[in-house]
Amino acid sequence: MEKLTIGRLAQLGRVNLETIRYYERRGLLAKPPRTEAGYRQFSPDTVHRLRFIKRAQELGFTLNEVGDLLALRHDPQHNREDVHTRATEKIADIERKMETLAAMKSVLQRLTERCEQCGPDDCPILASLEQEHSL
């Protein structure tokens, strides 16, 4: 079985070298064996794991959540319901974030509309940022 260098793994996984090192430190990727010269030797299966991590991140999962999903993926005792529950929780989290973003957008739209009629020393955007209130 052909072993991969960290550079080749980064290329195949479409990430940079530091991402791989970071995932190793976080425990998402196992530390690979090294050659006598000290070069890492990754198995080809690591590419699939790396792509799994990146895809899960693209769907909004945090690295802690990705670690949980990886554990479920390799645990013969896990059931479909565990994964389904986590995905459902992520959907609810995304919906909350969307509501927060919509509120932020609404406030900024109102402020920019007011900004169009203000004078040079009367900026509603800057005045709003100086106030101590939340959305």
C-alpha atoms as a PDB file:
ATOM      1  CA  MET A   1       0.000   0.000   0.000  1.00  0.00           C
ATOM      2  CA  GLU A   2       1.451   3.362  -1.051  1.00  0.00           C
ATOM      3  CA  LYS A   3       2.065   5.846   1.754  1.00  0.00           C
ATOM      4  CA  LEU A   4       1.453   9.555   1.286  1.00  0.00           C
ATOM      5  CA  THR A   5       3.639  12.460   2.295  1.00  0.00           C
ATOM      6  CA  ILE A   6       1.996  15.324   4.128  1.00  0.00           C
ATOM      7  CA  GLY A   7       2.309  17.423   0.968  1.00  0.00           C
ATOM      8  CA  ARG A   8       0.554  14.838  -1.164  1.00  0.00           C
ATOM      9  CA  LEU A   9      -2.148  14.354   1.489  1.00  0.00           C
ATOM     10  CA  ALA A  10      -2.726  18.111   1.578  1.00  0.00           C
ATOM     11  CA  GLN A  11      -3.014  18.180  -2.197  1.00  0.00           C
ATOM     12  CA  LEU A  12      -5.464  15.266  -2.352  1.00  0.00           C
ATOM     13  CA  GLY A  13      -7.481  16.583   0.586  1.00  0.00           C
ATOM     14  CA  ARG A  14      -7.515  20.122  -0.828  1.00  0.00           C
ATOM     15  CA  VAL A  15      -6.178  21.653   2.407  1.00  0.00           C
ATOM     16  CA  ASN A  16      -2.887  23.205   3.431  1.00  0.00           C
ATOM     17  CA  LEU A  17      -0.175  21.520   5.466  1.00  0.00           C
ATOM     18  CA  GLU A  18      -0.988  23.470   8.621  1.00  0.00           C
ATOM     19  CA  THR A  19      -4.580  22.193   8.506  1.00  0.00           C
ATOM     20  CA  ILE A  20      -3.304  18.619   8.611  1.00  0.00           C
ATOM     21  CA  ARG A  21      -0.959  19.413  11.494  1.00  0.00           C
ATOM     22  CA  TYR A  22      -3.804  21.153  13.328  1.00  0.00           C
ATOM     23  CA  TYR A  23      -6.140  18.188  12.845  1.00  0.00           C
ATOM     24  CA  GLU A  24      -3.415  15.925  14.220  1.00  0.00           C
ATOM     25  CA  ARG A  25      -3.067  18.128  17.312  1.00  0.00           C
ATOM     26  CA  ARG A  26      -6.863  18.070  17.764  1.00  0.00           C
ATOM     27  CA  GLY A  27      -6.910  14.270  17.468  1.00  0.00           C
ATOM     28  CA  LEU A  28      -9.044  14.259  14.318  1.00  0.00           C
ATOM     29  CA  LEU A  29      -6.220  12.650  12.350  1.00  0.00           C
ATOM     30  CA  ALA A  30      -3.992  10.018  13.895  1.00  0.00           C
ATOM     31  CA  LYS A  31      -0.315  10.808  14.061  1.00  0.00           C
ATOM     32  CA  PRO A  32       1.213   8.699  11.288  1.00  0.00           C
ATOM     33  CA  PRO A  33       4.370   6.663  11.482  1.00  0.00           C
ATOM     34  CA  ARG A  34       7.531   8.352  10.294  1.00  0.00           C
ATOM     35  CA  THR A  35      10.383   7.260   8.101  1.00  0.00           C
ATOM     36  CA  GLU A  36      13.887   7.073   9.520  1.00  0.00           C
ATOM     37  CA  ALA A  37      14.420  10.532   8.051  1.00  0.00           C
ATOM     38  CA  GLY A  38      11.408  11.808  10.046  1.00  0.00           C
ATOM     39  CA  TYR A  39       8.910  12.178   7.192  1.00  0.00           C
ATOM     40  CA  ARG A  40       5.298  11.403   7.977  1.00  0.00           C
ATOM     41  CA  GLN A  41       3.786   8.472   6.071  1.00  0.00           C
ATOM     42  CA  PHE A  42       0.003   8.732   5.811  1.00  0.00           C
ATOM     43  CA  SER A  43      -2.155   5.882   4.607  1.00  0.00           C
ATOM     44  CA  PRO A  44      -4.388   6.528   1.579  1.00  0.00           C
ATOM     45  CA  ASP A  45      -7.432   6.123   3.883  1.00  0.00           C
ATOM     46  CA  THR A  46      -6.426   9.384   5.545  1.00  0.00           C
ATOM     47  CA  VAL A  47      -7.593  11.255   2.425  1.00  0.00           C
ATOM     48  CA  HIS A  48     -11.148   9.975   2.996  1.00  0.00           C
ATOM     49  CA  ARG A  49     -11.033  10.973   6.653  1.00  0.00           C
ATOM     50  CA  LEU A  50      -9.706  14.417   5.744  1.00  0.00           C
ATOM     51  CA  ARG A  51     -12.463  14.937   3.184  1.00  0.00           C
ATOM     52  CA  PHE A  52     -15.050  13.756   5.734  1.00  0.00           C
ATOM     53  CA  ILE A  53     -13.795  16.396   8.184  1.00  0.00           C
ATOM     54  CA  LYS A  54     -13.886  19.174   5.588  1.00  0.00           C
ATOM     55  CA  ARG A  55     -17.353  18.210   4.330  1.00  0.00           C
ATOM     56  CA  ALA A  56     -18.732  18.123   7.874  1.00  0.00           C
ATOM     57  CA  GLN A  57     -17.275  21.582   8.488  1.00  0.00           C
ATOM     58  CA  GLU A  58     -18.881  22.850   5.285  1.00  0.00           C
ATOM     59  CA  LEU A  59     -22.217  21.685   6.698  1.00  0.00           C
ATOM     60  CA  GLY A  60     -21.626  23.766   9.824  1.00  0.00           C
ATOM     61  CA  PHE A  61     -20.305  21.192  12.269  1.00  0.00           C
ATOM     62  CA  THR A  62     -17.621  22.408  14.678  1.00  0.00           C
ATOM     63  CA  LEU A  63     -14.409  20.435  15.008  1.00  0.00           C
ATOM     64  CA  ASN A  64     -15.640  19.044  18.341  1.00  0.00           C
ATOM     65  CA  GLU A  65     -18.820  17.882  16.628  1.00  0.00           C
ATOM     66  CA  VAL A  66     -16.774  16.447  13.754  1.00  0.00           C
ATOM     67  CA  GLY A  67     -14.796  14.445  16.299  1.00  0.00           C
ATOM     68  CA  ASP A  68     -18.054  13.053  17.677  1.00  0.00           C
ATOM     69  CA  LEU A  69     -19.255  12.165  14.171  1.00  0.00           C
ATOM     70  CA  LEU A  70     -15.963  10.434  13.413  1.00  0.00           C
ATOM     71  CA  ALA A  71     -16.314   8.413  16.590  1.00  0.00           C
ATOM     72  CA  LEU A  72     -19.865   7.437  15.621  1.00  0.00           C
ATOM     73  CA  ARG A  73     -18.699   6.542  12.127  1.00  0.00           C
ATOM     74  CA  HIS A  74     -16.195   4.030  13.487  1.00  0.00           C
ATOM     75  CA  ASP A  75     -18.254   2.740  16.411  1.00  0.00           C
ATOM     76  CA  PRO A  76     -20.073  -0.494  15.557  1.00  0.00           C
ATOM     77  CA  GLN A  77     -22.507   0.190  18.430  1.00  0.00           C
ATOM     78  CA  HIS A  78     -23.762   3.525  17.109  1.00  0.00           C
ATOM     79  CA  ASN A  79     -27.125   3.658  15.518  1.00  0.00           C
ATOM     80  CA  ARG A  80     -28.651   5.790  12.816  1.00  0.00           C
ATOM     81  CA  GLU A  81     -30.610   7.720  15.421  1.00  0.00           C
ATOM     82  CA  ASP A  82     -27.408   9.121  16.985  1.00  0.00           C
ATOM     83  CA  VAL A  83     -26.313  10.638  13.687  1.00  0.00           C
ATOM     84  CA  HIS A  84     -29.847  11.780  12.851  1.00  0.00           C
ATOM     85  CA  THR A  85     -30.158  13.537  16.231  1.00  0.00           C
ATOM     86  CA  ARG A  86     -26.897  15.400  15.730  1.00  0.00           C
ATOM     87  CA  ALA A  87     -27.917  16.495  12.233  1.00  0.00           C
ATOM     88  CA  THR A  88     -31.304  17.673  13.520  1.00  0.00           C
ATOM     89  CA  GLU A  89     -29.611  19.650  16.289  1.00  0.00           C
ATOM     90  CA  LYS A  90     -27.307  21.232  13.709  1.00  0.00           C
ATOM     91  CA  ILE A  91     -30.306  22.260  11.603  1.00  0.00           C
ATOM     92  CA  ALA A  92     -31.841  23.991  14.645  1.00  0.00           C
ATOM     93  CA  ASP A  93     -28.508  25.715  15.334  1.00  0.00           C
ATOM     94  CA  ILE A  94     -28.315  26.929  11.727  1.00  0.00           C
ATOM     95  CA  GLU A  95     -31.886  28.234  11.926  1.00  0.00           C
ATOM     96  CA  ARG A  96     -31.021  30.221  15.092  1.00  0.00           C
ATOM     97  CA  LYS A  97     -27.995  31.680  13.352  1.00  0.00           C
ATOM     98  CA  MET A  98     -30.093  32.602  10.337  1.00  0.00           C
ATOM     99  CA  GLU A  99     -32.538  34.459  12.597  1.00  0.00           C
ATOM    100  CA  THR A 100     -29.661  36.328  14.221  1.00  0.00           C
ATOM    101  CA  LEU A 101     -28.183  37.210  10.829  1.00  0.00           C
ATOM    102  CA  ALA A 102     -31.577  38.423   9.588  1.00  0.00           C
ATOM    103  CA  ALA A 103     -31.892  40.683  12.647  1.00  0.00           C
ATOM    104  CA  MET A 104     -28.384  42.024  12.071  1.00  0.00           C
ATOM    105  CA  LYS A 105     -29.192  42.693   8.431  1.00  0.00           C
ATOM    106  CA  SER A 106     -32.405  44.496   9.347  1.00  0.00           C
ATOM    107  CA  VAL A 107     -30.631  46.792  11.822  1.00  0.00           C
ATOM    108  CA  LEU A 108     -27.876  47.583   9.322  1.00  0.00           C
ATOM    109  CA  GLN A 109     -30.410  48.273   6.569  1.00  0.00           C
ATOM    110  CA  ARG A 110     -32.282  50.742   8.794  1.00  0.00           C
ATOM    111  CA  LEU A 111     -29.044  52.445   9.790  1.00  0.00           C
ATOM    112  CA  THR A 112     -27.752  52.744   6.222  1.00  0.00           C
ATOM    113  CA  GLU A 113     -31.116  54.211   5.118  1.00  0.00           C
ATOM    114  CA  ARG A 114     -30.823  56.824   7.879  1.00  0.00           C
ATOM    115  CA  CYS A 115     -27.186  57.388   6.958  1.00  0.00           C
ATOM    116  CA  GLU A 116     -28.148  58.562   3.472  1.00  0.00           C
ATOM    117  CA  GLN A 117     -29.915  61.610   4.976  1.00  0.00           C
ATOM    118  CA  CYS A 118     -27.403  62.469   7.710  1.00  0.00           C
ATOM    119  CA  GLY A 119     -24.778  65.166   7.854  1.00  0.00           C
ATOM    120  CA  PRO A 120     -21.009  64.632   8.049  1.00  0.00           C
ATOM    121  CA  ASP A 121     -20.970  64.815  11.877  1.00  0.00           C
ATOM    122  CA  ASP A 122     -24.193  62.897  12.447  1.00  0.00           C
ATOM    123  CA  CYS A 123     -23.547  59.268  11.431  1.00  0.00           C
ATOM    124  CA  PRO A 124     -26.299  56.940  12.733  1.00  0.00           C
ATOM    125  CA  ILE A 125     -24.137  53.876  12.146  1.00  0.00           C
ATOM    126  CA  LEU A 126     -21.306  55.151  14.343  1.00  0.00           C
ATOM    127  CA  ALA A 127     -23.774  56.485  16.923  1.00  0.00           C
ATOM    128  CA  SER A 128     -25.463  53.081  17.090  1.00  0.00           C
ATOM    129  CA  LEU A 129     -22.145  51.325  17.632  1.00  0.00           C
ATOM    130  CA  GLU A 130     -21.406  53.623  20.561  1.00  0.00           C
ATOM    131  CA  GLN A 131     -24.669  52.692  22.307  1.00  0.00           C
ATOM    132  CA  GLU A 132     -24.828  49.803  24.758  1.00  0.00           C
ATOM    133  CA  HIS A 133     -27.720  47.717  23.461  1.00  0.00           C
ATOM    134  CA  SER A 134     -28.170  44.491  21.587  1.00  0.00           C
ATOM    135  CA  LEU A 135     -30.304  43.511  18.631  1.00  0.00           C
END
